[in-house]
Amino acid sequence: MDPSLALAWREPVIVEVQASAVRTLPGWLPGWLPLRALAPATRSALAAPGPLPRPERLSWALEAGDARAWTIARWPRDPATDGVLALWAARRAAALALPPAAEGVVVLGPAAEVRAGWVDAQRILSALGGPPWAGPVVVVADDRAVDDLPTGPGRILRPALPMIRVAGDGVRTRTAAALVALTVDLQGPSPDWWRTGLVQLVSTRPDPGPRAHGERRAQAGRERIDRLLRGGIDDPALAASVVAWCIDPRRVVRVADLRALFPAGPVALDLLARVYPGLPGFD
């Protein structure tokens, strides 16, 4: 007999959770029950804060449709967690009858501009450590409703099968900007200048180039740049020039060190100088 049938009419009173079983109070099948005998929602609720390995907790939360799955899946990423997410993404894509992905992206609607935007975003995505999601990203380039993505502008921010809508004019630029914003937001907290600068950088075609970015930083001066980094001013063009310096191929290896500072608060110019000793070529 399937033990889950015995639990269908009444959930047990659970007093202890271990790696693969729960102990119930006397009077209701006292003793240990395998976690797999519980209903998916109960199992997910127990596993979320429990001692189970993260991939198993994530798998059960996804099975139960528990929104806490996306919290469990947040960085740091690991191969086992990515495997669980990729499996869920494949099953969800099949349930939605999505077309096959090509080079990591599923396009619904006109594809040429979307794919050009995907290519435009690759340099920045690479500098950020690659796309922080498992499976493909779904880009909707028309007004169809898909999954929980309503018509009109919007996105589904999740680390498996994320979705963005880019319908309207300028699909190429919209796609590149939305992919970069999606990446930054999935990676966790970041200052406004970082997100704004990256989006501005990928949205500006052609890129002005290192010399123009250097001239903008020099014209602004270190005092204004410090105010930008502290959140005191909003200047997308200057933010893009600061970000362009940070992710330059000669310095991109330090981006992970820079991002590690973000959760602690503003990264002022003196902190930036610690990550990039001496700020070579900054102005």
Protein backbone atom coordinates (compact mmCIF):
# COMPACT_ATOMS: atom_id res chain seq x y z
CA MET A 1 0.00 0.00 0.00
CA ASP A 2 1.24 3.46 -0.85
CA PRO A 3 1.96 5.08 2.56
CA SER A 4 0.85 8.46 1.26
CA LEU A 5 -2.72 7.12 1.07
CA ALA A 6 -2.72 6.61 4.79
CA LEU A 7 -1.85 10.26 5.27
CA ALA A 8 -4.45 11.66 2.91
CA TRP A 9 -7.08 12.15 5.60
CA ARG A 10 -4.85 13.48 8.35
CA GLU A 11 -1.37 14.98 8.54
CA PRO A 12 0.85 13.70 11.34
CA VAL A 13 1.91 15.73 14.34
CA ILE A 14 5.64 15.98 13.73
CA VAL A 15 8.09 16.61 16.52
CA GLU A 16 11.45 15.96 14.86
CA VAL A 17 12.86 16.09 11.34
CA GLN A 18 16.02 14.32 10.24
CA ALA A 19 17.68 13.88 6.88
CA SER A 20 15.15 11.45 5.42
CA ALA A 21 12.45 10.86 8.05
CA VAL A 22 10.22 12.52 10.63
CA ARG A 23 9.27 11.39 14.13
CA THR A 24 5.61 11.76 15.09
CA LEU A 25 3.89 12.12 18.41
CA PRO A 26 2.62 9.00 20.17
CA GLY A 27 -0.98 8.25 19.31
CA TRP A 28 -0.59 8.80 15.58
CA LEU A 29 1.49 6.01 14.10
CA PRO A 30 4.18 6.81 16.66
CA GLY A 31 7.70 6.37 15.39
CA TRP A 32 9.56 7.39 12.26
CA LEU A 33 7.99 8.05 8.85
CA PRO A 34 9.94 8.54 5.62
CA LEU A 35 9.66 12.10 4.36
CA ARG A 36 8.52 10.77 1.01
CA ALA A 37 5.37 9.44 2.71
CA LEU A 38 4.17 12.99 3.38
CA ALA A 39 2.14 15.15 1.05
CA PRO A 40 4.37 17.36 -1.17
CA ALA A 41 3.29 20.62 0.49
CA THR A 42 3.95 19.25 3.99
CA ARG A 43 7.28 17.81 2.93
CA SER A 44 8.33 21.10 1.37
CA ALA A 45 7.34 23.10 4.47
CA LEU A 46 9.37 20.78 6.68
CA ALA A 47 12.37 20.68 4.38
CA ALA A 48 12.70 24.44 3.85
CA PRO A 49 14.42 25.16 7.19
CA GLY A 50 15.56 21.61 7.90
CA PRO A 51 18.80 19.65 7.84
CA LEU A 52 18.34 18.18 4.37
CA PRO A 53 20.85 18.87 1.59
CA ARG A 54 19.88 21.92 -0.43
CA PRO A 55 19.24 20.03 -3.71
CA GLU A 56 16.73 17.76 -1.99
CA ARG A 57 14.97 20.65 -0.27
CA LEU A 58 14.83 22.47 -3.59
CA SER A 59 13.44 19.44 -5.41
CA TRP A 60 10.61 19.02 -2.91
CA ALA A 61 9.77 22.71 -2.89
CA LEU A 62 9.55 22.71 -6.68
CA GLU A 63 7.39 19.58 -6.63
CA ALA A 64 5.00 21.27 -4.21
CA GLY A 65 4.90 24.51 -6.20
CA ASP A 66 6.29 26.25 -3.11
CA ALA A 67 7.53 29.79 -3.87
CA ARG A 68 10.28 29.27 -1.30
CA ALA A 69 12.03 27.14 -3.89
CA TRP A 70 13.51 30.25 -5.48
CA THR A 71 14.92 31.37 -2.14
CA ILE A 72 16.47 27.94 -1.57
CA ALA A 73 17.97 28.08 -5.08
CA ARG A 74 19.67 31.44 -4.67
CA TRP A 75 23.43 31.74 -4.94
CA PRO A 76 25.89 30.31 -4.20
CA ARG A 77 25.18 27.92 -7.03
CA ASP A 78 26.49 24.35 -7.18
CA PRO A 79 26.25 21.54 -9.78
CA ALA A 80 23.70 19.51 -7.79
CA THR A 81 21.35 22.48 -7.34
CA ASP A 82 21.78 23.43 -10.99
CA GLY A 83 20.83 19.87 -11.95
CA VAL A 84 17.56 20.10 -10.00
CA LEU A 85 16.77 23.47 -11.57
CA ALA A 86 17.61 22.26 -15.09
CA LEU A 87 15.32 19.24 -14.67
CA TRP A 88 12.48 21.47 -13.46
CA ALA A 89 13.09 23.87 -16.36
CA ALA A 90 12.96 21.03 -18.89
CA ARG A 91 9.72 19.68 -17.45
CA ARG A 92 8.15 23.14 -17.29
CA ALA A 93 9.19 23.92 -20.86
CA ALA A 94 7.61 20.64 -22.00
CA ALA A 95 4.40 21.41 -20.09
CA LEU A 96 4.21 24.81 -21.80
CA ALA A 97 4.99 23.21 -25.21
CA LEU A 98 7.80 25.70 -25.76
CA PRO A 99 9.87 25.39 -28.93
CA PRO A 100 13.44 24.09 -28.58
CA ALA A 101 16.07 26.46 -27.24
CA ALA A 102 18.84 27.67 -29.53
CA GLU A 103 22.09 28.80 -27.88
CA GLY A 104 20.38 29.10 -24.51
CA VAL A 105 17.34 31.14 -25.51
CA VAL A 106 13.75 30.25 -26.45
CA VAL A 107 12.19 32.93 -28.64
CA LEU A 108 8.44 33.37 -28.96
CA GLY A 109 7.67 35.79 -31.75
CA PRO A 110 10.02 37.46 -34.26
CA ALA A 111 13.43 35.98 -33.59
CA ALA A 112 16.08 37.93 -35.51
CA GLU A 113 16.16 41.04 -33.29
CA VAL A 114 15.96 38.95 -30.12
CA ARG A 115 18.95 36.86 -31.14
CA ALA A 116 20.91 40.00 -32.02
CA GLY A 117 20.16 41.36 -28.54
CA TRP A 118 21.26 38.06 -27.02
CA VAL A 119 24.59 38.39 -28.82
CA ASP A 120 24.93 42.03 -27.70
CA ALA A 121 24.50 40.98 -24.06
CA GLN A 122 27.10 38.22 -24.09
CA ARG A 123 30.16 40.33 -23.24
CA ILE A 124 28.53 41.67 -20.10
CA LEU A 125 26.97 38.34 -19.12
CA SER A 126 30.41 36.77 -19.45
CA ALA A 127 31.96 39.50 -17.27
CA LEU A 128 29.33 38.79 -14.62
CA GLY A 129 30.15 35.07 -14.55
CA GLY A 130 27.59 33.86 -17.08
CA PRO A 131 23.79 33.65 -16.93
CA PRO A 132 22.74 32.87 -13.33
CA TRP A 133 19.88 30.60 -14.32
CA ALA A 134 19.46 26.95 -15.26
CA GLY A 135 17.98 25.93 -18.59
CA PRO A 136 17.15 28.47 -21.28
CA VAL A 137 15.75 31.97 -20.88
CA VAL A 138 12.41 32.59 -22.60
CA VAL A 139 12.13 35.84 -24.53
CA VAL A 140 8.62 36.76 -25.64
CA ALA A 141 8.74 39.24 -28.51
CA ASP A 142 4.98 39.63 -29.03
CA ASP A 143 1.84 40.01 -26.90
CA ARG A 144 0.99 36.36 -26.24
CA ALA A 145 0.39 35.27 -22.64
CA VAL A 146 2.81 32.60 -21.43
CA ASP A 147 2.82 30.86 -18.04
CA ASP A 148 2.42 33.62 -15.43
CA LEU A 149 3.78 36.33 -17.74
CA PRO A 150 0.91 38.73 -18.47
CA THR A 151 0.57 40.69 -21.67
CA GLY A 152 2.42 43.98 -21.66
CA PRO A 153 5.89 44.65 -20.24
CA GLY A 154 7.02 42.22 -17.60
CA ARG A 155 9.22 39.31 -16.64
CA ILE A 156 9.35 36.22 -14.43
CA LEU A 157 12.41 36.51 -12.23
CA ARG A 158 13.50 33.02 -11.21
CA PRO A 159 16.73 30.99 -11.47
CA ALA A 160 15.21 28.41 -13.83
CA LEU A 161 13.40 29.14 -17.09
CA PRO A 162 13.14 32.91 -16.47
CA MET A 163 10.96 34.87 -18.87
CA ILE A 164 11.11 38.41 -20.24
CA ARG A 165 8.81 40.27 -22.62
CA VAL A 166 10.37 42.69 -25.12
CA ALA A 167 7.49 43.40 -27.51
CA GLY A 168 7.42 46.82 -29.16
CA ASP A 169 10.00 48.98 -30.87
CA GLY A 170 13.72 48.43 -30.39
CA VAL A 171 13.48 44.71 -29.64
CA ARG A 172 17.23 44.20 -30.01
CA THR A 173 18.10 46.86 -27.43
CA ARG A 174 15.24 45.84 -25.13
CA THR A 175 16.41 42.23 -25.21
CA ALA A 176 20.01 43.04 -24.35
CA ALA A 177 19.00 45.41 -21.53
CA ALA A 178 16.44 42.98 -20.10
CA LEU A 179 18.93 40.09 -20.10
CA VAL A 180 21.55 42.15 -18.27
CA ALA A 181 19.00 43.42 -15.73
CA LEU A 182 17.75 39.86 -15.20
CA THR A 183 21.31 38.67 -14.56
CA VAL A 184 22.09 41.44 -12.07
CA ASP A 185 18.84 40.97 -10.17
CA LEU A 186 19.26 37.20 -9.89
CA GLN A 187 22.77 37.62 -8.54
CA GLY A 188 21.50 39.39 -5.45
CA PRO A 189 21.71 42.92 -3.99
CA SER A 190 23.68 45.49 -5.95
CA PRO A 191 23.96 49.28 -5.88
CA ASP A 192 21.97 51.38 -8.32
CA TRP A 193 25.05 52.60 -10.18
CA TRP A 194 26.10 49.01 -10.97
CA ARG A 195 22.74 47.92 -12.36
CA THR A 196 22.09 51.22 -14.13
CA GLY A 197 25.59 51.34 -15.60
CA LEU A 198 25.47 47.80 -16.96
CA VAL A 199 22.04 48.32 -18.54
CA GLN A 200 23.10 51.68 -20.00
CA LEU A 201 26.32 50.17 -21.33
CA VAL A 202 24.60 47.33 -23.18
CA SER A 203 21.86 49.64 -24.45
CA THR A 204 24.28 52.10 -26.10
CA ARG A 205 25.21 51.06 -29.64
CA PRO A 206 27.85 51.45 -30.75
CA ASP A 207 29.81 51.46 -27.50
CA PRO A 208 31.71 54.78 -27.30
CA GLY A 209 34.89 52.87 -26.42
CA PRO A 210 37.47 53.09 -23.64
CA ARG A 211 38.75 56.56 -24.62
CA ALA A 212 35.31 58.18 -24.52
CA HIS A 213 34.47 56.47 -21.23
CA GLY A 214 37.79 57.68 -19.78
CA GLU A 215 37.09 61.25 -20.91
CA ARG A 216 33.67 61.13 -19.23
CA ARG A 217 35.16 59.91 -15.96
CA ALA A 218 37.87 62.57 -16.10
CA GLN A 219 35.35 65.31 -16.84
CA ALA A 220 33.16 64.20 -13.95
CA GLY A 221 36.06 64.04 -11.51
CA ARG A 222 36.58 61.74 -8.57
CA GLU A 223 34.35 63.70 -6.22
CA ARG A 224 31.31 63.32 -8.48
CA ILE A 225 32.14 59.65 -9.11
CA ASP A 226 32.35 59.07 -5.36
CA ARG A 227 28.90 60.64 -4.95
CA LEU A 228 27.60 58.35 -7.71
CA LEU A 229 29.00 55.27 -5.98
CA ARG A 230 27.52 56.33 -2.64
CA GLY A 231 24.07 56.75 -4.22
CA GLY A 232 24.05 60.53 -3.98
CA ILE A 233 23.42 61.23 -7.67
CA ASP A 234 21.77 59.53 -10.63
CA ASP A 235 23.89 59.72 -13.79
CA PRO A 236 23.39 56.71 -16.11
CA ALA A 237 26.05 57.80 -18.61
CA LEU A 238 28.69 58.24 -15.89
CA ALA A 239 27.62 54.95 -14.28
CA ALA A 240 28.15 53.23 -17.64
CA SER A 241 31.66 54.69 -17.92
CA VAL A 242 32.56 53.52 -14.40
CA VAL A 243 31.17 50.05 -15.09
CA ALA A 244 33.00 49.91 -18.44
CA TRP A 245 36.27 50.43 -16.55
CA CYS A 246 35.39 47.75 -13.98
CA ILE A 247 34.62 45.05 -16.56
CA ASP A 248 37.42 45.91 -18.96
CA PRO A 249 39.13 42.64 -20.03
CA ARG A 250 42.26 43.69 -18.11
CA ARG A 251 40.29 43.97 -14.87
CA VAL A 252 37.33 41.63 -15.29
CA VAL A 253 38.91 39.00 -13.02
CA ARG A 254 38.18 41.31 -10.07
CA VAL A 255 34.44 41.66 -10.74
CA ALA A 256 33.58 38.82 -8.36
CA ASP A 257 35.57 40.55 -5.60
CA LEU A 258 33.71 43.79 -6.28
CA ARG A 259 30.31 42.11 -6.20
CA ALA A 260 31.18 40.45 -2.90
CA LEU A 261 31.18 43.94 -1.33
CA PHE A 262 27.69 44.87 -2.51
CA PRO A 263 25.61 43.30 0.30
CA ALA A 264 27.53 45.31 2.93
CA GLY A 265 26.46 48.70 1.58
CA PRO A 266 27.76 51.46 -0.72
CA VAL A 267 31.07 50.83 -2.46
CA ALA A 268 32.66 54.26 -2.34
CA LEU A 269 35.71 55.18 -4.37
CA ASP A 270 38.14 54.21 -1.59
CA LEU A 271 36.68 50.68 -1.52
CA LEU A 272 36.82 50.49 -5.30
CA ALA A 273 40.52 51.32 -5.04
CA ARG A 274 41.01 48.35 -2.72
CA VAL A 275 39.45 45.94 -5.21
CA TYR A 276 41.37 47.50 -8.11
CA PRO A 277 44.63 48.60 -6.43
CA GLY A 278 45.67 52.05 -7.62
CA LEU A 279 42.68 52.39 -9.99
CA PRO A 280 44.96 52.05 -13.05
CA GLY A 281 43.71 54.04 -16.01
CA PHE A 282 40.63 55.21 -14.13
CA ASP A 283 41.18 58.87 -15.04
